[in-house]
PDB file of N, CA and C in Angstrom:
ATOM      1  N   MET A   1       8.019   2.167  25.615  1.00  0.00           N
ATOM      2  CA  MET A   1       7.765   2.651  24.322  1.00  0.00           C
ATOM      3  C   MET A   1       7.092   3.578  23.440  1.00  0.00           C
ATOM      4  N   HIS A   2       6.801   3.868  22.985  1.00  0.00           N
ATOM      5  CA  HIS A   2       6.421   5.215  22.237  1.00  0.00           C
ATOM      6  C   HIS A   2       5.639   5.520  21.705  1.00  0.00           C
ATOM      7  N   ILE A   3       4.228   6.004  21.663  1.00  0.00           N
ATOM      8  CA  ILE A   3       3.367   5.855  20.735  1.00  0.00           C
ATOM      9  C   ILE A   3       3.691   5.508  19.203  1.00  0.00           C
ATOM     10  N   ARG A   4       4.789   6.784  18.607  1.00  0.00           N
ATOM     11  CA  ARG A   4       4.741   6.087  17.703  1.00  0.00           C
ATOM     12  C   ARG A   4       5.548   4.813  17.367  1.00  0.00           C
ATOM     13  N   THR A   5       6.036   4.126  18.168  1.00  0.00           N
ATOM     14  CA  THR A   5       6.400   3.736  17.378  1.00  0.00           C
ATOM     15  C   THR A   5       5.084   1.631  17.574  1.00  0.00           C
ATOM     16  N   ILE A   6       5.010   2.273  18.384  1.00  0.00           N
ATOM     17  CA  ILE A   6       3.117   1.340  18.882  1.00  0.00           C
ATOM     18  C   ILE A   6       2.348   0.960  17.538  1.00  0.00           C
ATOM     19  N   LEU A   7       2.171   2.700  17.144  1.00  0.00           N
ATOM     20  CA  LEU A   7       1.323   2.442  15.812  1.00  0.00           C
ATOM     21  C   LEU A   7       2.381   1.958  14.500  1.00  0.00           C
ATOM     22  N   TYR A   8       3.335   2.175  14.725  1.00  0.00           N
ATOM     23  CA  TYR A   8       4.285   1.118  13.363  1.00  0.00           C
ATOM     24  C   TYR A   8       3.910  -0.494  13.060  1.00  0.00           C
ATOM     25  N   ILE A   9       4.159  -0.918  14.532  1.00  0.00           N
ATOM     26  CA  ILE A   9       3.710  -2.017  14.884  1.00  0.00           C
ATOM     27  C   ILE A   9       2.056  -2.453  14.652  1.00  0.00           C
ATOM     28  N   ILE A  10       1.269  -1.409  15.560  1.00  0.00           N
ATOM     29  CA  ILE A  10      -0.226  -2.184  14.378  1.00  0.00           C
ATOM     30  C   ILE A  10      -0.195  -1.258  12.997  1.00  0.00           C
ATOM     31  N   VAL A  11       0.180  -0.157  12.383  1.00  0.00           N
ATOM     32  CA  VAL A  11      -0.502  -0.068  11.132  1.00  0.00           C
ATOM     33  C   VAL A  11       1.062  -0.847  10.145  1.00  0.00           C
ATOM     34  N   THR A  12       1.965  -1.233  10.465  1.00  0.00           N
ATOM     35  CA  THR A  12       2.400  -1.978   9.160  1.00  0.00           C
ATOM     36  C   THR A  12       1.453  -3.367   7.982  1.00  0.00           C
ATOM     37  N   PRO A  13       1.313  -4.358   9.815  1.00  0.00           N
ATOM     38  CA  PRO A  13       0.793  -4.845   8.992  1.00  0.00           C
ATOM     39  C   PRO A  13      -0.719  -4.712   8.123  1.00  0.00           C
ATOM     40  N   LEU A  14      -1.293  -4.019   8.885  1.00  0.00           N
ATOM     41  CA  LEU A  14      -2.671  -3.507   8.127  1.00  0.00           C
ATOM     42  C   LEU A  14      -2.050  -2.858   6.866  1.00  0.00           C
ATOM     43  N   THR A  15      -1.197  -2.120   6.781  1.00  0.00           N
ATOM     44  CA  THR A  15      -0.474  -1.919   5.349  1.00  0.00           C
ATOM     45  C   THR A  15      -0.102  -3.040   4.671  1.00  0.00           C
ATOM     46  N   ILE A  16       0.147  -4.185   4.929  1.00  0.00           N
ATOM     47  CA  ILE A  16       0.788  -5.291   4.323  1.00  0.00           C
ATOM     48  C   ILE A  16      -1.064  -6.093   4.206  1.00  0.00           C
ATOM     49  N   TRP A  17      -1.560  -6.217   4.669  1.00  0.00           N
ATOM     50  CA  TRP A  17      -2.507  -6.612   4.538  1.00  0.00           C
ATOM     51  C   TRP A  17      -4.315  -5.860   3.490  1.00  0.00           C
ATOM     52  N   ALA A  18      -3.743  -5.031   3.482  1.00  0.00           N
ATOM     53  CA  ALA A  18      -4.415  -4.331   2.455  1.00  0.00           C
ATOM     54  C   ALA A  18      -3.874  -4.394   1.013  1.00  0.00           C
ATOM     55  N   LEU A  19      -2.507  -3.724   1.211  1.00  0.00           N
ATOM     56  CA  LEU A  19      -1.331  -4.592  -0.375  1.00  0.00           C
ATOM     57  C   LEU A  19      -1.568  -5.077  -0.809  1.00  0.00           C
ATOM     58  N   GLU A  20      -1.870  -6.643  -0.061  1.00  0.00           N
ATOM     59  CA  GLU A  20      -2.630  -7.935  -0.639  1.00  0.00           C
ATOM     60  C   GLU A  20      -3.524  -7.874  -1.563  1.00  0.00           C
ATOM     61  N   ALA A  21      -5.018  -6.745  -1.530  1.00  0.00           N
ATOM     62  CA  ALA A  21      -5.720  -6.717  -2.074  1.00  0.00           C
ATOM     63  C   ALA A  21      -5.311  -6.481  -3.553  1.00  0.00           C
ATOM     64  N   LEU A  22      -4.705  -6.043  -3.556  1.00  0.00           N
ATOM     65  CA  LEU A  22      -3.981  -5.046  -5.277  1.00  0.00           C
ATOM     66  C   LEU A  22      -3.508  -6.185  -5.881  1.00  0.00           C
ATOM     67  N   ASN A  23      -3.642  -6.336  -6.980  1.00  0.00           N
ATOM     68  CA  ASN A  23      -2.757  -6.718  -8.015  1.00  0.00           C
ATOM     69  C   ASN A  23      -2.029  -5.959  -8.979  1.00  0.00           C
ATOM     70  N   ILE A  24      -0.823  -5.748  -8.378  1.00  0.00           N
ATOM     71  CA  ILE A  24      -0.145  -5.196  -8.898  1.00  0.00           C
ATOM     72  C   ILE A  24       0.968  -6.095  -9.865  1.00  0.00           C
ATOM     73  N   GLU A  25       0.787  -6.789  -9.900  1.00  0.00           N
ATOM     74  CA  GLU A  25       1.891  -7.566 -10.357  1.00  0.00           C
ATOM     75  C   GLU A  25       1.540  -7.540 -12.082  1.00  0.00           C
ATOM     76  N   ARG A  26       0.496  -7.103 -12.483  1.00  0.00           N
ATOM     77  CA  ARG A  26      -0.108  -6.598 -14.376  1.00  0.00           C
ATOM     78  C   ARG A  26       1.000  -5.401 -14.114  1.00  0.00           C
ATOM     79  N   PHE A  27       0.888  -4.461 -13.389  1.00  0.00           N
ATOM     80  CA  PHE A  27       2.164  -3.491 -13.886  1.00  0.00           C
ATOM     81  C   PHE A  27       3.155  -4.050 -13.628  1.00  0.00           C
ATOM     82  N   PHE A  28       4.260  -4.817 -13.835  1.00  0.00           N
ATOM     83  CA  PHE A  28       5.662  -5.313 -13.757  1.00  0.00           C
ATOM     84  C   PHE A  28       4.850  -6.542 -15.194  1.00  0.00           C
ATOM     85  N   LYS A  29       7.038  -7.016 -16.024  1.00  0.00           N
ATOM     86  CA  LYS A  29       7.309  -7.503 -16.359  1.00  0.00           C
ATOM     87  C   LYS A  29       7.315  -8.791 -16.139  1.00  0.00           C
ATOM     88  N   LYS A  30       6.806  -9.744 -16.753  1.00  0.00           N
ATOM     89  CA  LYS A  30       6.444 -10.750 -16.407  1.00  0.00           C
ATOM     90  C   LYS A  30       8.107 -11.487 -16.547  1.00  0.00           C
ATOM     91  N   ASN A  31       7.979 -12.701 -14.628  1.00  0.00           N
ATOM     92  CA  ASN A  31       9.319 -12.932 -14.102  1.00  0.00           C
ATOM     93  C   ASN A  31      10.267 -11.539 -13.651  1.00  0.00           C
ATOM     94  N   ARG A  32       9.337 -11.078 -13.251  1.00  0.00           N
ATOM     95  CA  ARG A  32      10.448  -9.859 -12.278  1.00  0.00           C
ATOM     96  C   ARG A  32       9.807  -9.891 -10.678  1.00  0.00           C
ATOM     97  N   ILE A  33      10.004 -11.261 -10.286  1.00  0.00           N
ATOM     98  CA  ILE A  33       9.655 -11.743  -8.644  1.00  0.00           C
ATOM     99  C   ILE A  33      10.354 -10.413  -7.554  1.00  0.00           C
ATOM    100  N   GLY A  34      11.928 -10.566  -8.300  1.00  0.00           N
ATOM    101  CA  GLY A  34      12.193  -9.959  -6.878  1.00  0.00           C
ATOM    102  C   GLY A  34      11.443  -8.293  -6.589  1.00  0.00           C
ATOM    103  N   GLN A  35      11.232  -7.849  -8.328  1.00  0.00           N
ATOM    104  CA  GLN A  35      10.598  -6.440  -8.475  1.00  0.00           C
ATOM    105  C   GLN A  35      10.163  -6.088  -7.583  1.00  0.00           C
ATOM    106  N   ILE A  36       8.800  -6.924  -8.217  1.00  0.00           N
ATOM    107  CA  ILE A  36       7.832  -6.854  -6.774  1.00  0.00           C
ATOM    108  C   ILE A  36       7.548  -7.064  -5.653  1.00  0.00           C
ATOM    109  N   LYS A  37       8.404  -7.834  -4.872  1.00  0.00           N
ATOM    110  CA  LYS A  37       8.916  -7.684  -3.624  1.00  0.00           C
ATOM    111  C   LYS A  37       9.043  -6.447  -3.301  1.00  0.00           C
ATOM    112  N   LEU A  38      10.191  -6.668  -3.772  1.00  0.00           N
ATOM    113  CA  LEU A  38      10.716  -4.727  -3.238  1.00  0.00           C
ATOM    114  C   LEU A  38       9.678  -3.972  -3.631  1.00  0.00           C
ATOM    115  N   MET A  39       8.750  -3.882  -4.681  1.00  0.00           N
ATOM    116  CA  MET A  39       7.720  -3.015  -4.709  1.00  0.00           C
ATOM    117  C   MET A  39       6.597  -2.877  -3.153  1.00  0.00           C
ATOM    118  N   TYR A  40       7.031  -4.124  -2.688  1.00  0.00           N
ATOM    119  CA  TYR A  40       5.595  -4.332  -2.189  1.00  0.00           C
ATOM    120  C   TYR A  40       6.171  -3.426  -1.017  1.00  0.00           C
ATOM    121  N   ILE A  41       7.757  -3.596  -0.515  1.00  0.00           N
ATOM    122  CA  ILE A  41       8.238  -3.330   0.571  1.00  0.00           C
ATOM    123  C   ILE A  41       8.056  -2.095   0.623  1.00  0.00           C
ATOM    124  N   LEU A  42       8.784  -1.735  -0.193  1.00  0.00           N
ATOM    125  CA  LEU A  42       8.878  -0.198  -0.476  1.00  0.00           C
ATOM    126  C   LEU A  42       7.128   0.510  -0.531  1.00  0.00           C
ATOM    127  N   LEU A  43       6.109   0.327  -0.925  1.00  0.00           N
ATOM    128  CA  LEU A  43       4.661   1.027  -0.872  1.00  0.00           C
ATOM    129  C   LEU A  43       4.443   0.385   1.024  1.00  0.00           C
ATOM    130  N   THR A  44       5.041  -0.806   1.569  1.00  0.00           N
ATOM    131  CA  THR A  44       4.077  -1.081   2.706  1.00  0.00           C
ATOM    132  C   THR A  44       5.070   0.284   3.652  1.00  0.00           C
ATOM    133  N   LEU A  45       6.497   0.129   2.780  1.00  0.00           N
ATOM    134  CA  LEU A  45       6.850   0.953   4.259  1.00  0.00           C
ATOM    135  C   LEU A  45       6.099   2.243   4.308  1.00  0.00           C
ATOM    136  N   ALA A  46       6.259   2.944   2.763  1.00  0.00           N
ATOM    137  CA  ALA A  46       5.583   4.574   2.872  1.00  0.00           C
ATOM    138  C   ALA A  46       3.828   4.829   3.126  1.00  0.00           C
ATOM    139  N   LEU A  47       3.627   3.939   2.448  1.00  0.00           N
ATOM    140  CA  LEU A  47       1.959   3.900   3.551  1.00  0.00           C
ATOM    141  C   LEU A  47       2.377   4.225   4.796  1.00  0.00           C
ATOM    142  N   SER A  48       2.823   2.794   6.148  1.00  0.00           N
ATOM    143  CA  SER A  48       2.980   2.960   7.286  1.00  0.00           C
ATOM    144  C   SER A  48       2.796   4.409   7.525  1.00  0.00           C
ATOM    145  N   TYR A  49       4.399   4.983   7.039  1.00  0.00           N
ATOM    146  CA  TYR A  49       4.926   6.360   7.043  1.00  0.00           C
ATOM    147  C   TYR A  49       3.552   7.477   6.695  1.00  0.00           C
ATOM    148  N   LEU A  50       3.235   7.007   6.327  1.00  0.00           N
ATOM    149  CA  LEU A  50       1.966   8.408   5.801  1.00  0.00           C
ATOM    150  C   LEU A  50       0.682   8.608   7.053  1.00  0.00           C
ATOM    151  N   VAL A  51       0.619   6.349   7.400  1.00  0.00           N
ATOM    152  CA  VAL A  51      -0.748   6.752   7.808  1.00  0.00           C
ATOM    153  C   VAL A  51      -0.085   6.936   9.272  1.00  0.00           C
ATOM    154  N   VAL A  52       1.112   6.695   9.843  1.00  0.00           N
ATOM    155  CA  VAL A  52       1.065   6.854  10.983  1.00  0.00           C
ATOM    156  C   VAL A  52       1.901   8.547  11.448  1.00  0.00           C
ATOM    157  N   ASN A  53       2.481   9.749  10.572  1.00  0.00           N
ATOM    158  CA  ASN A  53       2.178  10.855  10.812  1.00  0.00           C
ATOM    159  C   ASN A  53       1.278  11.100  10.905  1.00  0.00           C
ATOM    160  N   PHE A  54       0.381  11.115  10.010  1.00  0.00           N
ATOM    161  CA  PHE A  54      -0.956  11.136  10.225  1.00  0.00           C
ATOM    162  C   PHE A  54      -1.717  11.861  11.022  1.00  0.00           C
ATOM    163  N   LEU A  55      -1.494  10.122  11.738  1.00  0.00           N
ATOM    164  CA  LEU A  55      -2.175   9.499  13.072  1.00  0.00           C
ATOM    165  C   LEU A  55      -1.481  10.205  13.702  1.00  0.00           C
ATOM    166  N   MET A  56      -0.353  10.796  14.104  1.00  0.00           N
ATOM    167  CA  MET A  56       0.678  10.823  15.292  1.00  0.00           C
ATOM    168  C   MET A  56       0.334  12.743  15.151  1.00  0.00           C
ATOM    169  N   ASP A  57       0.353  13.254  13.560  1.00  0.00           N
ATOM    170  CA  ASP A  57      -0.880  14.759  13.807  1.00  0.00           C
ATOM    171  C   ASP A  57      -1.098  14.983  14.527  1.00  0.00           C
ATOM    172  N   PHE A  58      -2.571  14.358  13.673  1.00  0.00           N
ATOM    173  CA  PHE A  58      -4.078  14.595  14.472  1.00  0.00           C
ATOM    174  C   PHE A  58      -4.459  14.277  15.620  1.00  0.00           C
ATOM    175  N   TYR A  59      -3.744  13.427  16.797  1.00  0.00           N
ATOM    176  CA  TYR A  59      -3.539  12.519  18.416  1.00  0.00           C
ATOM    177  C   TYR A  59      -2.718  14.112  18.683  1.00  0.00           C
ATOM    178  N   ASN A  60      -1.986  14.898  18.506  1.00  0.00           N
ATOM    179  CA  ASN A  60      -1.074  16.010  18.492  1.00  0.00           C
ATOM    180  C   ASN A  60      -1.865  17.426  18.762  1.00  0.00           C
ATOM    181  N   SER A  61      -2.743  17.260  17.169  1.00  0.00           N
ATOM    182  CA  SER A  61      -3.611  18.689  17.477  1.00  0.00           C
ATOM    183  C   SER A  61      -4.960  18.450  18.203  1.00  0.00           C
ATOM    184  N   TYR A  62      -4.847  17.220  18.706  1.00  0.00           N
ATOM    185  CA  TYR A  62      -5.611  16.776  19.257  1.00  0.00           C
ATOM    186  C   TYR A  62      -5.802  17.281  21.317  1.00  0.00           C
ATOM    187  N   VAL A  63      -4.595  17.103  21.375  1.00  0.00           N
ATOM    188  CA  VAL A  63      -3.850  16.830  22.901  1.00  0.00           C
ATOM    189  C   VAL A  63      -4.013  18.718  23.059  1.00  0.00           C
ATOM    190  N   LEU A  64      -3.330  19.055  21.829  1.00  0.00           N
ATOM    191  CA  LEU A  64      -2.951  20.532  22.141  1.00  0.00           C
ATOM    192  C   LEU A  64      -4.618  21.586  21.677  1.00  0.00           C
ATOM    193  N   GLN A  65      -5.242  20.994  21.590  1.00  0.00           N
ATOM    194  CA  GLN A  65      -6.131  21.817  21.606  1.00  0.00           C
ATOM    195  C   GLN A  65      -7.044  21.720  22.759  1.00  0.00           C
ATOM    196  N   TYR A  66      -6.659  20.961  23.308  1.00  0.00           N
ATOM    197  CA  TYR A  66      -7.463  20.525  24.993  1.00  0.00           C
ATOM    198  C   TYR A  66      -7.347  20.765  26.063  1.00  0.00           C
TER     199      TYR A  66
END
């Protein structure tokens, strides 16, 4: 298994856990449950992508340096 896949498996649940602390429902109109869930999914995917790419860049720069 590639390290990127392992990172996604680790980072995605952490991102979901972190997003649960936010109260983004107040930014949506009432009774828009489907849109709120979709926003959580999109935010989770976007943040997971950014964190994994950051960690991979950090790892690659560290490995290439030494």
